[in-house]
């Protein structure tokens, strides 16, 4: 199963995955275990990047493959019986630390990060940008980029004509969050609304409170 190329570019080229993302002030707490709930598009469940406190809702029928980027990301896929797993639609979620890319103490902007990804000498010289949108996702500044991939020069890339749609969300202290969909063009009309629901569901949960120290039981003064 291939991980999304644009997500790899953000996580590897722009900076290492964040050791810990800054928690949101009033973000609701979410259990570390997945939870399901009804929505107009069906049953959803919560999946989290525990080390970053980043949680999203994903379709309950999609399977989580495991963690990536040193446990600062994960991949979920939509199983397709009779289809090679490399062609299954997938959503990648990751936290990215770009603090090392600061210039004169200023963190790179959303625009500059997107430009780095799509310029001819960047990672997407063999792609076509189809849409780029600036918006707010759950109150945070974000951009959604949609690109169409083509075969690489070697002809060995199995991603011919795949679509990647990436929501890059601005966090605090040089932390960004990447939520990305990869699918075939034929699946885009069906999965684009699903991806937007996932992107709009992103939130940060506060760090777990440290356990309270246990007091020693009082001793009976009559006992010796």
C-alpha atoms as a PDB file:
ATOM      1  CA  UNK A   1       0.000   0.000   0.000  1.00  0.00           C
ATOM      2  CA  UNK A   2       1.519   3.306  -1.093  1.00  0.00           C
ATOM      3  CA  UNK A   3       1.302   6.287   1.237  1.00  0.00           C
ATOM      4  CA  UNK A   4       0.158   9.522  -0.343  1.00  0.00           C
ATOM      5  CA  UNK A   5       3.011  11.273  -2.139  1.00  0.00           C
ATOM      6  CA  UNK A   6       2.063  14.774  -1.088  1.00  0.00           C
ATOM      7  CA  UNK A   7       1.788  13.748   2.550  1.00  0.00           C
ATOM      8  CA  UNK A   8       5.241  12.180   2.327  1.00  0.00           C
ATOM      9  CA  UNK A   9       6.582  15.425   0.871  1.00  0.00           C
ATOM     10  CA  UNK A  10       5.179  17.480   3.730  1.00  0.00           C
ATOM     11  CA  UNK A  11       6.350  15.067   6.413  1.00  0.00           C
ATOM     12  CA  UNK A  12       9.820  14.289   5.082  1.00  0.00           C
ATOM     13  CA  UNK A  13      10.913  17.322   3.060  1.00  0.00           C
ATOM     14  CA  UNK A  14       9.358  20.118   5.088  1.00  0.00           C
ATOM     15  CA  UNK A  15      10.201  18.712   8.494  1.00  0.00           C
ATOM     16  CA  UNK A  16      10.127  15.706  10.762  1.00  0.00           C
ATOM     17  CA  UNK A  17       6.854  14.536  12.226  1.00  0.00           C
ATOM     18  CA  UNK A  18       6.040  16.511  15.355  1.00  0.00           C
ATOM     19  CA  UNK A  19       7.071  14.980  18.655  1.00  0.00           C
ATOM     20  CA  UNK A  20       3.976  16.451  20.213  1.00  0.00           C
ATOM     21  CA  UNK A  21       1.414  18.861  18.812  1.00  0.00           C
ATOM     22  CA  UNK A  22       0.147  21.832  20.776  1.00  0.00           C
ATOM     23  CA  UNK A  23      -3.260  20.992  22.327  1.00  0.00           C
ATOM     24  CA  UNK A  24      -6.276  23.103  21.502  1.00  0.00           C
ATOM     25  CA  UNK A  25      -7.606  25.164  24.369  1.00  0.00           C
ATOM     26  CA  UNK A  26     -11.238  24.098  24.279  1.00  0.00           C
ATOM     27  CA  UNK A  27     -11.012  20.931  22.215  1.00  0.00           C
ATOM     28  CA  UNK A  28     -13.278  18.143  23.477  1.00  0.00           C
ATOM     29  CA  UNK A  29     -11.639  15.150  25.079  1.00  0.00           C
ATOM     30  CA  UNK A  30     -11.823  11.937  23.063  1.00  0.00           C
ATOM     31  CA  UNK A  31     -11.265   8.435  24.330  1.00  0.00           C
ATOM     32  CA  UNK A  32      -8.207   6.640  23.009  1.00  0.00           C
ATOM     33  CA  UNK A  33     -10.570   3.890  21.909  1.00  0.00           C
ATOM     34  CA  UNK A  34     -12.532   4.330  18.713  1.00  0.00           C
ATOM     35  CA  UNK A  35     -16.158   5.347  18.972  1.00  0.00           C
ATOM     36  CA  UNK A  36     -18.877   5.129  16.348  1.00  0.00           C
ATOM     37  CA  UNK A  37     -21.707   7.525  15.651  1.00  0.00           C
ATOM     38  CA  UNK A  38     -24.391   8.058  13.031  1.00  0.00           C
ATOM     39  CA  UNK A  39     -24.172  10.731  10.354  1.00  0.00           C
ATOM     40  CA  UNK A  40     -25.998  11.496   7.127  1.00  0.00           C
ATOM     41  CA  UNK A  41     -23.308   9.558   5.233  1.00  0.00           C
ATOM     42  CA  UNK A  42     -23.456   6.484   7.449  1.00  0.00           C
ATOM     43  CA  UNK A  43     -21.624   5.242  10.513  1.00  0.00           C
ATOM     44  CA  UNK A  44     -18.396   6.992  11.488  1.00  0.00           C
ATOM     45  CA  UNK A  45     -15.820   6.177  14.117  1.00  0.00           C
ATOM     46  CA  UNK A  46     -13.088   8.208  15.788  1.00  0.00           C
ATOM     47  CA  UNK A  47      -9.446   7.474  15.057  1.00  0.00           C
ATOM     48  CA  UNK A  48      -6.579   9.353  16.734  1.00  0.00           C
ATOM     49  CA  UNK A  49      -2.891  10.058  16.347  1.00  0.00           C
ATOM     50  CA  UNK A  50      -2.319   9.567  20.055  1.00  0.00           C
ATOM     51  CA  UNK A  51       1.153  11.105  20.231  1.00  0.00           C
ATOM     52  CA  UNK A  52      -0.136  14.330  18.657  1.00  0.00           C
ATOM     53  CA  UNK A  53      -3.609  14.415  20.242  1.00  0.00           C
ATOM     54  CA  UNK A  54      -5.080  14.647  16.728  1.00  0.00           C
ATOM     55  CA  UNK A  55      -8.448  12.946  16.125  1.00  0.00           C
ATOM     56  CA  UNK A  56     -10.757  12.645  13.112  1.00  0.00           C
ATOM     57  CA  UNK A  57     -13.930  10.785  12.207  1.00  0.00           C
ATOM     58  CA  UNK A  58     -13.539   8.166   9.471  1.00  0.00           C
ATOM     59  CA  UNK A  59     -16.057   5.780   7.846  1.00  0.00           C
ATOM     60  CA  UNK A  60     -16.570   2.855  10.191  1.00  0.00           C
ATOM     61  CA  UNK A  61     -16.152   0.316   7.366  1.00  0.00           C
ATOM     62  CA  UNK A  62     -12.654   1.570   6.501  1.00  0.00           C
ATOM     63  CA  UNK A  63      -9.709  -0.337   7.994  1.00  0.00           C
ATOM     64  CA  UNK A  64      -6.820   1.230   9.852  1.00  0.00           C
ATOM     65  CA  UNK A  65      -3.564  -0.224   8.515  1.00  0.00           C
ATOM     66  CA  UNK A  66      -1.330   1.099  11.246  1.00  0.00           C
ATOM     67  CA  UNK A  67       0.855   4.034  12.202  1.00  0.00           C
ATOM     68  CA  UNK A  68       3.365   5.877  10.007  1.00  0.00           C
ATOM     69  CA  UNK A  69       5.896   8.707  10.423  1.00  0.00           C
ATOM     70  CA  UNK A  70       7.157   7.487  13.808  1.00  0.00           C
ATOM     71  CA  UNK A  71       3.600   7.102  15.144  1.00  0.00           C
ATOM     72  CA  UNK A  72       2.701  10.700  14.153  1.00  0.00           C
ATOM     73  CA  UNK A  73       0.278   9.515  11.477  1.00  0.00           C
ATOM     74  CA  UNK A  74      -1.910   6.642  10.312  1.00  0.00           C
ATOM     75  CA  UNK A  75      -3.579   5.284   7.180  1.00  0.00           C
ATOM     76  CA  UNK A  76      -7.130   3.975   6.738  1.00  0.00           C
ATOM     77  CA  UNK A  77      -8.296   2.224   3.579  1.00  0.00           C
ATOM     78  CA  UNK A  78     -11.584   1.246   1.974  1.00  0.00           C
ATOM     79  CA  UNK A  79     -11.291  -2.496   1.210  1.00  0.00           C
ATOM     80  CA  UNK A  80     -12.348  -3.370  -2.338  1.00  0.00           C
ATOM     81  CA  UNK A  81     -12.856  -7.128  -2.890  1.00  0.00           C
ATOM     82  CA  UNK A  82     -11.342  -8.259  -6.149  1.00  0.00           C
ATOM     83  CA  UNK A  83      -9.171  -5.147  -6.479  1.00  0.00           C
ATOM     84  CA  UNK A  84      -5.440  -4.967  -5.727  1.00  0.00           C
ATOM     85  CA  UNK A  85      -4.817  -3.397  -2.325  1.00  0.00           C
ATOM     86  CA  UNK A  86      -2.538  -0.799  -3.952  1.00  0.00           C
ATOM     87  CA  UNK A  87      -5.619   0.578  -5.700  1.00  0.00           C
ATOM     88  CA  UNK A  88      -7.853   0.815  -2.624  1.00  0.00           C
ATOM     89  CA  UNK A  89      -8.934   4.343  -1.690  1.00  0.00           C
ATOM     90  CA  UNK A  90      -7.041   5.558   1.347  1.00  0.00           C
ATOM     91  CA  UNK A  91      -6.961   8.454   3.791  1.00  0.00           C
ATOM     92  CA  UNK A  92      -3.718   9.462   5.494  1.00  0.00           C
ATOM     93  CA  UNK A  93      -3.693  11.604   8.661  1.00  0.00           C
ATOM     94  CA  UNK A  94      -0.468  13.101  10.033  1.00  0.00           C
ATOM     95  CA  UNK A  95       0.994  15.813  12.263  1.00  0.00           C
ATOM     96  CA  UNK A  96       3.956  17.723  10.801  1.00  0.00           C
ATOM     97  CA  UNK A  97       6.521  19.938  12.531  1.00  0.00           C
ATOM     98  CA  UNK A  98       7.932  22.643  10.228  1.00  0.00           C
ATOM     99  CA  UNK A  99       9.553  24.706  12.992  1.00  0.00           C
ATOM    100  CA  UNK A 100      12.992  23.845  11.597  1.00  0.00           C
ATOM    101  CA  UNK A 101      12.005  25.663   8.390  1.00  0.00           C
ATOM    102  CA  UNK A 102      11.510  29.022  10.112  1.00  0.00           C
ATOM    103  CA  UNK A 103      13.104  32.005   8.365  1.00  0.00           C
ATOM    104  CA  UNK A 104      14.069  34.877  10.677  1.00  0.00           C
ATOM    105  CA  UNK A 105      11.921  33.301  13.381  1.00  0.00           C
ATOM    106  CA  UNK A 106       8.820  33.191  11.151  1.00  0.00           C
ATOM    107  CA  UNK A 107       7.036  29.868  10.530  1.00  0.00           C
ATOM    108  CA  UNK A 108       6.330  29.070   6.857  1.00  0.00           C
ATOM    109  CA  UNK A 109       2.820  30.011   5.786  1.00  0.00           C
ATOM    110  CA  UNK A 110       0.222  27.667   4.342  1.00  0.00           C
ATOM    111  CA  UNK A 111       0.705  29.268   0.938  1.00  0.00           C
ATOM    112  CA  UNK A 112       4.468  28.802   0.995  1.00  0.00           C
ATOM    113  CA  UNK A 113       4.180  25.150   1.998  1.00  0.00           C
ATOM    114  CA  UNK A 114       1.734  24.417  -0.806  1.00  0.00           C
ATOM    115  CA  UNK A 115       3.926  26.258  -3.316  1.00  0.00           C
ATOM    116  CA  UNK A 116       6.928  24.172  -2.265  1.00  0.00           C
ATOM    117  CA  UNK A 117       4.941  21.028  -3.017  1.00  0.00           C
ATOM    118  CA  UNK A 118       3.646  21.955  -6.472  1.00  0.00           C
ATOM    119  CA  UNK A 119       6.490  23.948  -8.058  1.00  0.00           C
ATOM    120  CA  UNK A 120       8.164  22.237 -11.041  1.00  0.00           C
ATOM    121  CA  UNK A 121      11.324  21.488  -9.044  1.00  0.00           C
ATOM    122  CA  UNK A 122       9.334  20.176  -6.085  1.00  0.00           C
ATOM    123  CA  UNK A 123       7.814  16.742  -5.563  1.00  0.00           C
ATOM    124  CA  UNK A 124       5.000  17.126  -8.087  1.00  0.00           C
ATOM    125  CA  UNK A 125       6.716  17.848 -11.411  1.00  0.00           C
ATOM    126  CA  UNK A 126       4.590  15.097 -13.001  1.00  0.00           C
ATOM    127  CA  UNK A 127       1.181  16.165 -11.689  1.00  0.00           C
ATOM    128  CA  UNK A 128      -1.661  18.435 -12.624  1.00  0.00           C
ATOM    129  CA  UNK A 129      -3.146  20.769 -10.016  1.00  0.00           C
ATOM    130  CA  UNK A 130      -6.918  20.630 -10.380  1.00  0.00           C
ATOM    131  CA  UNK A 131      -8.115  22.722  -7.451  1.00  0.00           C
ATOM    132  CA  UNK A 132      -6.725  24.803  -4.615  1.00  0.00           C
ATOM    133  CA  UNK A 133      -9.059  26.238  -1.983  1.00  0.00           C
ATOM    134  CA  UNK A 134      -8.482  28.369   1.131  1.00  0.00           C
ATOM    135  CA  UNK A 135     -11.002  27.842   3.926  1.00  0.00           C
ATOM    136  CA  UNK A 136     -11.542  27.333   7.643  1.00  0.00           C
ATOM    137  CA  UNK A 137     -11.700  23.779   8.981  1.00  0.00           C
ATOM    138  CA  UNK A 138     -13.089  23.577  12.496  1.00  0.00           C
ATOM    139  CA  UNK A 139     -12.018  27.196  13.013  1.00  0.00           C
ATOM    140  CA  UNK A 140      -8.424  26.766  11.755  1.00  0.00           C
ATOM    141  CA  UNK A 141      -6.837  28.213   8.618  1.00  0.00           C
ATOM    142  CA  UNK A 142      -6.478  25.539   5.958  1.00  0.00           C
ATOM    143  CA  UNK A 143      -5.942  24.908   2.282  1.00  0.00           C
ATOM    144  CA  UNK A 144      -7.205  21.968   0.249  1.00  0.00           C
ATOM    145  CA  UNK A 145      -5.153  20.973  -2.767  1.00  0.00           C
ATOM    146  CA  UNK A 146      -6.304  18.477  -5.385  1.00  0.00           C
ATOM    147  CA  UNK A 147      -3.794  17.056  -7.861  1.00  0.00           C
ATOM    148  CA  UNK A 148      -3.925  14.408 -10.571  1.00  0.00           C
ATOM    149  CA  UNK A 149      -0.932  12.071 -10.720  1.00  0.00           C
ATOM    150  CA  UNK A 150       0.605  10.577 -13.831  1.00  0.00           C
ATOM    151  CA  UNK A 151       3.162   7.854 -14.442  1.00  0.00           C
ATOM    152  CA  UNK A 152       6.675   8.729 -13.385  1.00  0.00           C
ATOM    153  CA  UNK A 153       9.486   8.694 -15.926  1.00  0.00           C
ATOM    154  CA  UNK A 154      10.331   5.071 -15.168  1.00  0.00           C
ATOM    155  CA  UNK A 155       6.773   3.944 -15.755  1.00  0.00           C
ATOM    156  CA  UNK A 156       6.926   1.887 -12.535  1.00  0.00           C
ATOM    157  CA  UNK A 157       4.586   3.976 -10.416  1.00  0.00           C
ATOM    158  CA  UNK A 158       1.228   2.245  -9.846  1.00  0.00           C
ATOM    159  CA  UNK A 159      -0.472   5.602  -9.211  1.00  0.00           C
ATOM    160  CA  UNK A 160      -1.278   6.403 -12.835  1.00  0.00           C
ATOM    161  CA  UNK A 161      -4.044   9.003 -13.046  1.00  0.00           C
ATOM    162  CA  UNK A 162      -4.829   8.731  -9.330  1.00  0.00           C
ATOM    163  CA  UNK A 163      -6.252  11.734  -7.493  1.00  0.00           C
ATOM    164  CA  UNK A 164      -4.745  13.075  -4.278  1.00  0.00           C
ATOM    165  CA  UNK A 165      -6.673  15.626  -2.261  1.00  0.00           C
ATOM    166  CA  UNK A 166      -4.841  17.086   0.733  1.00  0.00           C
ATOM    167  CA  UNK A 167      -6.130  19.389   3.473  1.00  0.00           C
ATOM    168  CA  UNK A 168      -3.207  21.171   5.161  1.00  0.00           C
ATOM    169  CA  UNK A 169      -4.303  22.749   8.452  1.00  0.00           C
ATOM    170  CA  UNK A 170      -2.355  25.379  10.362  1.00  0.00           C
ATOM    171  CA  UNK A 171      -1.755  24.640  14.040  1.00  0.00           C
ATOM    172  CA  UNK A 172       0.363  26.358  16.681  1.00  0.00           C
ATOM    173  CA  UNK A 173       4.132  26.613  17.184  1.00  0.00           C
ATOM    174  CA  UNK A 174       5.099  25.344  13.734  1.00  0.00           C
ATOM    175  CA  UNK A 175       2.731  22.366  13.797  1.00  0.00           C
ATOM    176  CA  UNK A 176       0.606  21.587  10.742  1.00  0.00           C
ATOM    177  CA  UNK A 177      -1.890  18.765  10.204  1.00  0.00           C
ATOM    178  CA  UNK A 178      -2.275  16.883   6.927  1.00  0.00           C
ATOM    179  CA  UNK A 179      -5.459  14.991   6.035  1.00  0.00           C
ATOM    180  CA  UNK A 180      -5.273  13.404   2.611  1.00  0.00           C
ATOM    181  CA  UNK A 181      -7.373  11.259   0.283  1.00  0.00           C
ATOM    182  CA  UNK A 182      -6.014   9.121  -2.542  1.00  0.00           C
ATOM    183  CA  UNK A 183      -8.425   7.467  -4.969  1.00  0.00           C
ATOM    184  CA  UNK A 184      -9.112   6.873  -8.644  1.00  0.00           C
ATOM    185  CA  UNK A 185     -10.847   9.609 -10.668  1.00  0.00           C
ATOM    186  CA  UNK A 186     -13.875   7.321 -10.936  1.00  0.00           C
ATOM    187  CA  UNK A 187     -14.246   7.300  -7.133  1.00  0.00           C
ATOM    188  CA  UNK A 188     -13.716  11.021  -6.590  1.00  0.00           C
ATOM    189  CA  UNK A 189     -17.361  12.144  -6.864  1.00  0.00           C
ATOM    190  CA  UNK A 190     -18.357   9.557  -4.247  1.00  0.00           C
ATOM    191  CA  UNK A 191     -15.431  10.060  -1.881  1.00  0.00           C
ATOM    192  CA  UNK A 192     -14.922  13.825  -2.045  1.00  0.00           C
ATOM    193  CA  UNK A 193     -17.881  14.484   0.341  1.00  0.00           C
ATOM    194  CA  UNK A 194     -16.503  11.767   2.642  1.00  0.00           C
ATOM    195  CA  UNK A 195     -13.094  13.422   2.676  1.00  0.00           C
ATOM    196  CA  UNK A 196     -14.602  16.824   3.459  1.00  0.00           C
ATOM    197  CA  UNK A 197     -16.464  15.314   6.416  1.00  0.00           C
ATOM    198  CA  UNK A 198     -13.222  13.799   7.679  1.00  0.00           C
ATOM    199  CA  UNK A 199     -11.398  17.110   7.252  1.00  0.00           C
ATOM    200  CA  UNK A 200     -14.114  19.084   9.046  1.00  0.00           C
ATOM    201  CA  UNK A 201     -14.106  16.604  11.940  1.00  0.00           C
ATOM    202  CA  UNK A 202     -10.436  17.169  12.880  1.00  0.00           C
ATOM    203  CA  UNK A 203      -9.798  18.278  16.459  1.00  0.00           C
ATOM    204  CA  UNK A 204      -7.164  18.147  19.147  1.00  0.00           C
ATOM    205  CA  UNK A 205      -7.772  16.590  22.503  1.00  0.00           C
ATOM    206  CA  UNK A 206      -6.112  17.988  25.633  1.00  0.00           C
ATOM    207  CA  UNK A 207      -3.307  15.939  27.147  1.00  0.00           C
ATOM    208  CA  UNK A 208      -4.363  13.430  29.769  1.00  0.00           C
ATOM    209  CA  UNK A 209      -4.230  14.777  33.308  1.00  0.00           C
ATOM    210  CA  UNK A 210      -1.464  13.250  35.415  1.00  0.00           C
ATOM    211  CA  UNK A 211      -2.736  10.722  37.955  1.00  0.00           C
ATOM    212  CA  UNK A 212      -3.415  12.124  41.390  1.00  0.00           C
ATOM    213  CA  UNK A 213      -1.016  10.909  44.073  1.00  0.00           C
ATOM    214  CA  UNK A 214      -2.545   8.328  46.328  1.00  0.00           C
ATOM    215  CA  UNK A 215      -2.593   9.242  50.000  1.00  0.00           C
ATOM    216  CA  UNK A 216      -1.401   6.676  52.482  1.00  0.00           C
ATOM    217  CA  UNK A 217      -4.137   5.174  54.655  1.00  0.00           C
ATOM    218  CA  UNK A 218      -4.369   6.681  58.120  1.00  0.00           C
ATOM    219  CA  UNK A 219      -2.886   4.520  60.850  1.00  0.00           C
ATOM    220  CA  UNK A 220      -4.919   3.456  63.855  1.00  0.00           C
ATOM    221  CA  UNK A 221      -3.211   5.025  66.909  1.00  0.00           C
ATOM    222  CA  UNK A 222      -4.434   2.116  69.093  1.00  0.00           C
ATOM    223  CA  UNK A 223      -2.470  -0.365  66.988  1.00  0.00           C
ATOM    224  CA  UNK A 224       1.182  -0.978  67.851  1.00  0.00           C
END
